[in-house]
Amino acid sequence: MTETKEQKVPKWFEGEIYDEGSVVRNPFSGEEYELNALELSIYDMIMGAQMFIEMRYHGDMLDERTAPMQKDMRKGLDWFRTNNAEAYMILLD
């Protein structure tokens, strides 16, 4: 894990901030990356939102419950691209 700048909790993030980070494995490539506590918290939010959206997805329509989660998921992905592009490329791209 390479941290080049101090990361701040984004204002839009309402989830729990974990006490510790962990190594995460990309389920498709098998590559691993060590995330700090904030990164892991946001990563888990992204993955949870993705799972919820996939479970609720009906054809090409998103309902009123999935639209806010999709916005949060996009904010999380954008946050990773800005704050840890390497982790984004390995785990989320």
Foldseek 3Di string as FASTA:
>chain_A
DDFPDDDDQDPPDPWDQDPFWAWDAAPPPRDIDTDGRSLRRLVVLLVVLVVVQVVQDDDPDDDPVNVVSVVSNVVSLVSCCVGPVPCCVRHPD
